[in-house]
N, C-alpha and C. Protein backbone atom coordinates (compact mmCIF):
# COMPACT_ATOMS: atom_id res chain seq x y z
N MET A 1 13.48 -11.65 -10.12
CA MET A 1 13.34 -12.79 -9.49
C MET A 1 11.88 -12.71 -8.95
N SER A 2 11.48 -14.43 -8.52
CA SER A 2 10.28 -14.20 -7.97
C SER A 2 10.68 -14.40 -6.41
N LEU A 3 9.78 -14.33 -5.85
CA LEU A 3 9.50 -14.32 -4.33
C LEU A 3 9.96 -15.38 -3.87
N GLU A 4 9.68 -16.60 -4.76
CA GLU A 4 10.14 -18.05 -4.07
C GLU A 4 12.01 -18.33 -4.56
N GLN A 5 12.35 -17.48 -5.54
CA GLN A 5 13.75 -17.64 -5.94
C GLN A 5 14.49 -16.98 -4.50
N VAL A 6 13.89 -15.59 -4.22
CA VAL A 6 14.61 -15.00 -2.89
C VAL A 6 14.31 -15.79 -2.04
N LEU A 7 13.41 -16.40 -1.65
CA LEU A 7 13.15 -17.28 -0.18
C LEU A 7 14.33 -18.33 -0.15
N GLU A 8 14.14 -19.18 -1.53
CA GLU A 8 15.23 -20.05 -1.82
C GLU A 8 16.51 -19.90 -1.49
N HIS A 9 16.93 -18.55 -1.72
CA HIS A 9 18.26 -18.19 -1.59
C HIS A 9 18.55 -18.17 -0.11
N VAL A 10 17.79 -17.32 0.70
CA VAL A 10 17.60 -17.06 2.11
C VAL A 10 17.72 -18.40 2.79
N ARG A 11 17.27 -19.65 2.41
CA ARG A 11 17.22 -20.82 2.90
C ARG A 11 18.77 -21.23 2.40
N GLY A 12 19.32 -20.83 1.63
CA GLY A 12 20.70 -21.38 1.70
C GLY A 12 20.70 -22.21 0.28
N GLY A 13 19.57 -22.55 -0.44
CA GLY A 13 19.68 -23.24 -1.41
C GLY A 13 19.88 -22.91 -2.94
N THR A 14 19.94 -21.54 -3.10
CA THR A 14 20.75 -21.22 -4.38
C THR A 14 21.21 -20.00 -4.56
N GLU A 15 22.26 -19.95 -5.62
CA GLU A 15 22.98 -18.31 -5.37
C GLU A 15 22.25 -17.58 -6.43
N LEU A 16 22.47 -16.00 -5.85
CA LEU A 16 21.29 -14.87 -6.50
C LEU A 16 22.31 -14.82 -7.94
N PRO A 17 21.57 -14.23 -9.08
CA PRO A 17 21.81 -13.78 -10.35
C PRO A 17 22.52 -12.45 -9.97
N ARG A 18 23.41 -12.02 -10.79
CA ARG A 18 24.77 -10.88 -10.45
C ARG A 18 23.96 -9.99 -10.58
N ARG A 19 22.99 -9.08 -10.92
CA ARG A 19 22.05 -8.42 -10.51
C ARG A 19 20.61 -8.49 -10.22
N PRO A 20 20.12 -8.82 -9.00
CA PRO A 20 18.73 -9.29 -8.66
C PRO A 20 17.97 -8.26 -8.26
N VAL A 21 16.50 -8.46 -8.69
CA VAL A 21 15.89 -7.37 -8.18
C VAL A 21 14.46 -8.31 -8.11
N LEU A 22 13.96 -7.97 -7.37
CA LEU A 22 12.42 -8.38 -6.54
C LEU A 22 11.33 -7.24 -6.92
N ALA A 23 10.67 -7.40 -7.79
CA ALA A 23 9.63 -6.14 -7.63
C ALA A 23 8.59 -6.54 -6.80
N THR A 24 8.27 -5.34 -6.19
CA THR A 24 7.03 -5.44 -5.17
C THR A 24 6.15 -4.26 -5.36
N PHE A 25 5.25 -4.20 -4.77
CA PHE A 25 4.23 -3.27 -5.21
C PHE A 25 3.40 -3.19 -3.33
N ASP A 26 3.66 -1.83 -2.96
CA ASP A 26 2.98 -2.00 -1.79
C ASP A 26 1.61 -1.35 -1.57
N ASP A 27 0.62 -1.53 -0.92
CA ASP A 27 -0.70 -1.15 -0.66
C ASP A 27 -1.79 -1.56 -1.34
N GLY A 28 -1.90 -2.46 -2.52
CA GLY A 28 -2.58 -2.89 -3.00
C GLY A 28 -3.50 -1.94 -3.96
N GLU A 29 -2.30 -1.02 -4.67
CA GLU A 29 -3.13 0.10 -5.21
C GLU A 29 -3.77 -0.65 -6.81
N PRO A 30 -4.80 -0.39 -7.16
CA PRO A 30 -5.60 -1.02 -8.36
C PRO A 30 -5.01 -0.63 -9.27
N SER A 31 -4.31 0.43 -9.42
CA SER A 31 -3.31 0.64 -10.95
C SER A 31 -2.07 -0.64 -11.08
N VAL A 32 -1.72 -1.36 -9.94
CA VAL A 32 -0.80 -2.37 -10.16
C VAL A 32 -1.57 -3.61 -10.89
N LEU A 33 -2.70 -3.65 -10.83
CA LEU A 33 -3.46 -4.86 -11.37
C LEU A 33 -3.45 -4.22 -12.91
N THR A 34 -4.03 -2.85 -12.94
CA THR A 34 -4.63 -2.63 -14.41
C THR A 34 -3.44 -1.84 -15.39
N VAL A 35 -2.28 -1.70 -14.69
CA VAL A 35 -1.34 -1.18 -15.68
C VAL A 35 0.02 -1.81 -15.41
N ALA A 36 0.42 -2.13 -14.37
CA ALA A 36 1.69 -3.01 -14.23
C ALA A 36 1.53 -4.41 -14.72
N ALA A 37 0.44 -5.06 -14.16
CA ALA A 37 0.31 -6.38 -14.21
C ALA A 37 0.37 -6.62 -15.56
N PRO A 38 -0.10 -6.27 -16.64
CA PRO A 38 -0.03 -6.49 -18.17
C PRO A 38 1.21 -6.12 -18.51
N GLU A 39 1.81 -5.27 -18.27
CA GLU A 39 3.52 -4.80 -18.73
C GLU A 39 4.00 -5.99 -18.26
N LEU A 40 4.00 -6.21 -17.01
CA LEU A 40 5.08 -6.93 -16.15
C LEU A 40 4.94 -8.44 -16.81
N GLN A 41 3.65 -8.90 -17.01
CA GLN A 41 3.49 -10.12 -17.67
C GLN A 41 4.15 -10.30 -19.18
N ARG A 42 3.83 -9.13 -19.77
CA ARG A 42 4.32 -8.90 -21.27
C ARG A 42 5.88 -9.26 -21.22
N ARG A 43 6.53 -8.82 -20.42
CA ARG A 43 7.93 -8.94 -20.08
C ARG A 43 8.65 -10.23 -19.31
N GLY A 44 7.92 -10.41 -18.70
CA GLY A 44 8.19 -11.93 -18.21
C GLY A 44 8.68 -11.54 -16.85
N ILE A 45 8.44 -10.34 -16.05
CA ILE A 45 9.07 -10.04 -15.03
C ILE A 45 8.22 -10.35 -13.87
N PRO A 46 8.56 -11.29 -12.69
CA PRO A 46 7.50 -11.46 -11.52
C PRO A 46 7.54 -10.67 -10.65
N ALA A 47 6.86 -10.57 -9.78
CA ALA A 47 6.17 -9.74 -8.78
C ALA A 47 5.30 -9.97 -7.44
N VAL A 48 5.48 -9.38 -6.77
CA VAL A 48 4.98 -9.33 -5.28
C VAL A 48 4.16 -8.08 -5.12
N ALA A 49 2.39 -8.10 -5.05
CA ALA A 49 1.95 -7.20 -4.38
C ALA A 49 1.41 -7.42 -3.22
N PHE A 50 2.09 -6.48 -2.25
CA PHE A 50 1.46 -6.69 -0.75
C PHE A 50 -0.10 -5.79 -0.75
N VAL A 51 -0.86 -6.56 -0.44
CA VAL A 51 -2.11 -5.63 -0.05
C VAL A 51 -2.63 -5.77 1.32
N VAL A 52 -3.49 -4.47 1.42
CA VAL A 52 -4.20 -4.15 2.86
C VAL A 52 -5.49 -5.27 3.04
N PRO A 53 -5.24 -6.22 3.42
CA PRO A 53 -6.74 -7.17 3.55
C PRO A 53 -7.89 -6.39 4.04
N GLY A 54 -7.93 -5.45 4.91
CA GLY A 54 -8.79 -4.59 5.94
C GLY A 54 -9.65 -3.83 5.06
N TYR A 55 -8.97 -3.42 3.75
CA TYR A 55 -9.57 -2.30 2.74
C TYR A 55 -10.01 -3.05 1.50
N LEU A 56 -9.94 -4.52 1.35
CA LEU A 56 -10.38 -5.00 0.19
C LEU A 56 -11.77 -5.02 0.04
N GLY A 57 -12.21 -4.83 -1.25
CA GLY A 57 -13.82 -4.28 -1.58
C GLY A 57 -14.60 -3.37 -1.09
N THR A 58 -13.53 -2.24 -0.57
CA THR A 58 -14.21 -1.18 0.24
C THR A 58 -14.08 -0.10 -0.65
N ASN A 59 -14.67 1.03 -0.31
CA ASN A 59 -13.97 2.72 -1.04
C ASN A 59 -13.42 3.41 0.12
N GLN A 60 -12.97 2.68 1.11
CA GLN A 60 -11.93 3.65 1.95
C GLN A 60 -10.56 3.94 1.66
N ALA A 61 -10.51 5.42 1.99
CA ALA A 61 -9.26 5.93 1.51
C ALA A 61 -8.10 5.47 2.83
N PHE A 62 -7.01 5.56 2.56
CA PHE A 62 -5.83 5.24 3.28
C PHE A 62 -6.12 6.55 4.18
N TRP A 63 -5.38 6.41 5.36
CA TRP A 63 -5.36 7.16 6.13
C TRP A 63 -4.47 8.72 5.83
N TRP A 64 -3.56 8.18 5.22
CA TRP A 64 -2.65 9.22 4.51
C TRP A 64 -3.22 10.36 3.22
N GLU A 65 -3.99 9.67 2.75
CA GLU A 65 -4.86 10.28 1.85
C GLU A 65 -6.01 10.91 2.25
N LYS A 66 -6.58 10.38 3.55
CA LYS A 66 -7.47 11.44 4.13
C LYS A 66 -6.75 12.76 4.59
N VAL A 67 -5.84 12.34 5.45
CA VAL A 67 -5.45 13.44 5.62
C VAL A 67 -4.86 14.70 4.23
N ALA A 68 -4.35 14.22 3.26
CA ALA A 68 -3.91 14.96 2.21
C ALA A 68 -5.21 15.63 1.75
N SER A 69 -6.43 14.95 1.50
CA SER A 69 -7.24 15.74 1.61
C SER A 69 -7.71 16.75 2.45
N PHE A 70 -7.41 16.60 3.50
CA PHE A 70 -7.86 17.89 4.55
C PHE A 70 -7.03 18.80 4.25
N HIS A 71 -5.65 18.77 3.66
CA HIS A 71 -4.69 19.80 3.61
C HIS A 71 -5.20 20.89 3.01
N ASP A 72 -4.72 22.08 3.45
CA ASP A 72 -4.86 23.30 2.82
C ASP A 72 -4.47 23.31 1.80
N ARG A 73 -5.09 23.67 0.47
CA ARG A 73 -4.29 23.29 -0.96
C ARG A 73 -3.60 24.73 -1.26
N SER A 74 -3.50 25.78 -0.21
CA SER A 74 -2.30 26.80 -0.54
C SER A 74 -1.32 26.54 0.08
N GLY A 75 -1.11 25.80 0.97
CA GLY A 75 0.08 25.25 1.49
C GLY A 75 1.04 24.35 0.54
N THR A 76 2.05 24.06 0.94
CA THR A 76 3.28 23.25 0.27
C THR A 76 2.75 21.86 0.42
N SER A 77 3.40 21.13 -0.42
CA SER A 77 3.72 19.39 0.09
C SER A 77 4.20 19.27 1.16
N GLN A 78 5.59 20.09 1.05
CA GLN A 78 6.47 19.90 2.48
C GLN A 78 5.61 19.97 3.61
N ALA A 79 4.82 20.98 3.67
CA ALA A 79 4.06 21.25 5.19
C ALA A 79 3.14 19.95 5.02
N LEU A 80 2.62 19.31 3.95
CA LEU A 80 1.42 18.31 4.17
C LEU A 80 2.79 16.91 4.53
N ALA A 81 3.91 17.03 4.11
CA ALA A 81 4.92 15.52 4.38
C ALA A 81 5.30 15.75 5.90
N GLU A 82 4.96 17.02 6.16
CA GLU A 82 5.51 17.30 7.70
C GLU A 82 4.49 16.83 8.49
N VAL A 83 2.93 17.03 8.29
CA VAL A 83 2.12 16.66 9.03
C VAL A 83 1.86 14.90 9.04
N ILE A 84 2.02 14.30 8.05
CA ILE A 84 2.20 12.90 7.83
C ILE A 84 3.22 12.63 8.90
N ARG A 85 4.39 13.30 8.72
CA ARG A 85 5.68 12.72 9.22
C ARG A 85 5.25 12.65 10.90
N GLU A 86 4.50 13.89 11.44
CA GLU A 86 4.31 13.98 12.70
C GLU A 86 3.00 12.92 13.20
N LEU A 87 2.26 13.18 12.38
CA LEU A 87 1.36 11.89 12.61
C LEU A 87 1.73 10.43 12.73
N LYS A 88 2.79 9.97 11.86
CA LYS A 88 3.51 8.43 11.97
C LYS A 88 4.11 8.37 13.48
N LEU A 89 4.51 9.46 14.29
CA LEU A 89 4.96 9.44 15.45
C LEU A 89 4.12 8.89 16.53
N LEU A 90 2.69 9.15 16.24
CA LEU A 90 1.88 9.16 17.37
C LEU A 90 1.52 7.55 17.72
N PRO A 91 0.91 6.98 18.71
CA PRO A 91 0.80 5.68 19.03
C PRO A 91 -0.60 5.76 18.21
N ASN A 92 -1.12 4.39 17.56
CA ASN A 92 -2.16 4.62 16.81
C ASN A 92 -3.28 4.65 17.01
N ASP A 93 -3.92 4.96 17.99
CA ASP A 93 -4.96 5.03 18.67
C ASP A 93 -5.03 6.53 18.83
N ASP A 94 -4.11 7.33 19.00
CA ASP A 94 -3.85 8.64 19.24
C ASP A 94 -3.85 9.45 17.58
N ARG A 95 -3.24 8.39 16.82
CA ARG A 95 -3.07 9.04 15.34
C ARG A 95 -4.71 9.17 14.41
N LEU A 96 -5.23 7.85 14.82
CA LEU A 96 -6.73 7.90 14.42
C LEU A 96 -7.57 8.80 15.04
N ALA A 97 -7.29 9.43 16.35
CA ALA A 97 -8.17 10.18 16.54
C ALA A 97 -7.84 11.73 16.29
N ALA A 98 -6.44 11.93 15.89
CA ALA A 98 -6.15 13.14 15.15
C ALA A 98 -6.83 13.45 13.71
N ILE A 99 -7.08 12.20 12.96
CA ILE A 99 -7.30 12.30 11.98
C ILE A 99 -8.73 12.77 11.73
N GLU A 100 -9.48 11.99 12.84
CA GLU A 100 -10.68 11.99 12.89
C GLU A 100 -10.93 13.69 13.32
N THR A 101 -10.39 14.38 14.10
CA THR A 101 -10.50 15.48 14.31
C THR A 101 -10.24 16.33 13.13
N MET A 102 -9.25 16.33 12.13
CA MET A 102 -9.28 16.73 11.26
C MET A 102 -10.36 16.84 10.29
N ARG A 103 -10.56 15.64 10.34
CA ARG A 103 -12.27 15.24 9.12
C ARG A 103 -13.20 16.13 9.76
N SER A 104 -13.27 16.40 11.26
CA SER A 104 -14.43 16.79 11.63
C SER A 104 -14.18 18.64 11.42
N HIS A 105 -12.93 19.17 11.15
CA HIS A 105 -13.13 20.58 11.05
C HIS A 105 -13.22 20.44 9.60
N HIS A 106 -13.41 19.61 8.71
CA HIS A 106 -13.18 19.63 7.30
C HIS A 106 -14.69 19.14 6.74
N ASP A 107 -15.67 19.88 6.98
CA ASP A 107 -17.15 19.56 6.72
C ASP A 107 -17.66 18.01 6.54
N GLY A 108 -16.92 17.38 7.51
CA GLY A 108 -16.90 15.94 7.71
C GLY A 108 -17.20 14.98 6.90
N ALA A 109 -16.79 15.48 5.55
CA ALA A 109 -16.55 14.34 4.32
C ALA A 109 -15.39 13.33 4.18
N LEU A 110 -15.68 12.32 4.05
CA LEU A 110 -14.58 11.33 4.08
C LEU A 110 -14.47 11.11 2.62
N LEU A 111 -12.81 10.97 2.16
CA LEU A 111 -12.40 10.88 0.94
C LEU A 111 -12.97 9.44 0.57
N LYS A 112 -13.01 9.20 -0.48
CA LYS A 112 -13.38 7.72 -1.01
C LYS A 112 -12.27 7.43 -2.18
N ARG A 113 -11.91 6.08 -2.10
CA ARG A 113 -11.43 5.73 -3.18
C ARG A 113 -11.51 4.03 -3.40
N LYS A 114 -11.38 3.61 -4.91
CA LYS A 114 -11.46 2.40 -5.15
C LYS A 114 -10.16 1.55 -4.70
N GLN A 115 -10.88 0.75 -3.48
CA GLN A 115 -9.71 -0.41 -3.39
C GLN A 115 -9.93 -1.97 -4.23
N LEU A 116 -8.83 -2.56 -4.10
CA LEU A 116 -9.03 -3.74 -4.95
C LEU A 116 -10.16 -4.71 -4.36
N SER A 117 -10.81 -5.64 -5.07
CA SER A 117 -11.75 -6.56 -4.52
C SER A 117 -11.36 -7.91 -4.21
N PHE A 118 -11.81 -8.56 -3.61
CA PHE A 118 -11.21 -10.16 -3.66
C PHE A 118 -11.11 -10.68 -4.54
N ASP A 119 -12.06 -10.46 -5.64
CA ASP A 119 -11.68 -11.22 -6.96
C ASP A 119 -10.39 -10.72 -8.03
N ASP A 120 -9.91 -9.53 -7.12
CA ASP A 120 -8.80 -9.00 -7.83
C ASP A 120 -7.67 -9.52 -7.61
N LEU A 121 -7.48 -10.22 -6.43
CA LEU A 121 -6.28 -11.15 -5.77
C LEU A 121 -6.24 -12.28 -6.92
N ALA A 122 -7.24 -12.87 -7.12
CA ALA A 122 -7.12 -13.89 -8.14
C ALA A 122 -6.65 -13.75 -9.62
N ARG A 123 -6.96 -12.09 -9.74
CA ARG A 123 -6.36 -11.84 -11.12
C ARG A 123 -5.11 -11.73 -11.26
N PHE A 124 -4.65 -11.22 -9.79
CA PHE A 124 -3.12 -10.88 -9.89
C PHE A 124 -2.24 -12.32 -10.15
N ARG A 125 -3.03 -13.47 -9.75
CA ARG A 125 -2.32 -15.01 -9.92
C ARG A 125 -2.48 -15.01 -11.58
N GLU A 126 -3.25 -14.56 -11.72
CA GLU A 126 -3.41 -15.17 -13.55
C GLU A 126 -2.36 -14.30 -14.02
N PHE A 127 -1.80 -13.08 -13.71
CA PHE A 127 -0.79 -12.40 -14.29
C PHE A 127 0.59 -12.83 -13.65
N GLY A 128 0.49 -13.74 -12.97
CA GLY A 128 1.74 -14.05 -12.43
C GLY A 128 2.13 -13.29 -11.16
N ILE A 129 1.47 -12.54 -10.47
CA ILE A 129 2.14 -11.76 -9.65
C ILE A 129 1.41 -12.27 -8.43
N GLU A 130 2.51 -12.67 -7.08
CA GLU A 130 1.90 -13.28 -5.71
C GLU A 130 1.26 -12.00 -5.06
N VAL A 131 0.65 -12.58 -4.24
CA VAL A 131 -0.28 -11.86 -3.32
C VAL A 131 0.55 -11.79 -2.13
N GLY A 132 0.84 -10.76 -1.08
CA GLY A 132 1.35 -10.95 0.37
C GLY A 132 0.66 -10.04 1.12
N ASN A 133 0.26 -10.04 2.36
CA ASN A 133 -0.10 -9.18 3.22
C ASN A 133 0.85 -7.96 3.53
N HIS A 134 0.10 -6.71 3.57
CA HIS A 134 0.98 -5.68 4.24
C HIS A 134 0.21 -4.91 5.48
N SER A 135 -0.21 -5.93 6.65
CA SER A 135 -0.91 -5.46 7.53
C SER A 135 -2.52 -5.41 7.50
N HIS A 136 -3.05 -5.83 8.39
CA HIS A 136 -4.66 -5.68 8.12
C HIS A 136 -5.25 -4.32 7.63
N THR A 137 -4.92 -3.25 8.29
CA THR A 137 -5.49 -1.81 8.27
C THR A 137 -4.39 -0.55 8.09
N HIS A 138 -3.00 -1.25 7.80
CA HIS A 138 -2.12 -0.29 7.52
C HIS A 138 -1.37 0.72 8.71
N PRO A 139 -1.29 -0.02 10.03
CA PRO A 139 -1.28 1.35 11.08
C PRO A 139 0.38 1.36 10.89
N ILE A 140 0.64 2.30 11.84
CA ILE A 140 2.16 2.15 11.81
C ILE A 140 2.73 1.38 12.90
N LEU A 141 3.14 -0.03 12.55
CA LEU A 141 3.09 -1.06 13.38
C LEU A 141 4.15 -0.74 14.45
N THR A 142 4.90 0.17 14.70
CA THR A 142 6.08 0.36 15.78
C THR A 142 5.25 1.54 16.53
N ARG A 143 4.14 2.05 16.02
CA ARG A 143 3.33 2.71 17.37
C ARG A 143 2.25 2.00 17.69
N CYS A 144 1.87 0.90 17.35
CA CYS A 144 0.73 -0.15 18.07
C CYS A 144 1.05 -0.69 19.30
């Protein structure tokens, strides 16, 4: 289903198909554009990509990616998941301060990653993928 079909149903205008699916992608991962979009278009599957506008056109990593880059590689993924889970419980400013403290204990280097560009948003539309907002900088909204 497309987002518009879902919204039309919510407004009371249409029935849902027997097994409805709305394909969504969070965080604006560039691979959605380079890998998923052509396959979705080829199969005629509509989708929505929820992007983080504050990261568009940057090489900034998301906060959880930064935390993962600081994680002791000899530790377990379960330990990393626990650190991220605990950080999600902190007020936003405290979470950001904790991540900065972690960075200062790990040679000060910041992980970089390619984010989507503003031009990429138009390319999504060419593939028939709608674009939505996934907060400006991806904080934990319940902690703001």
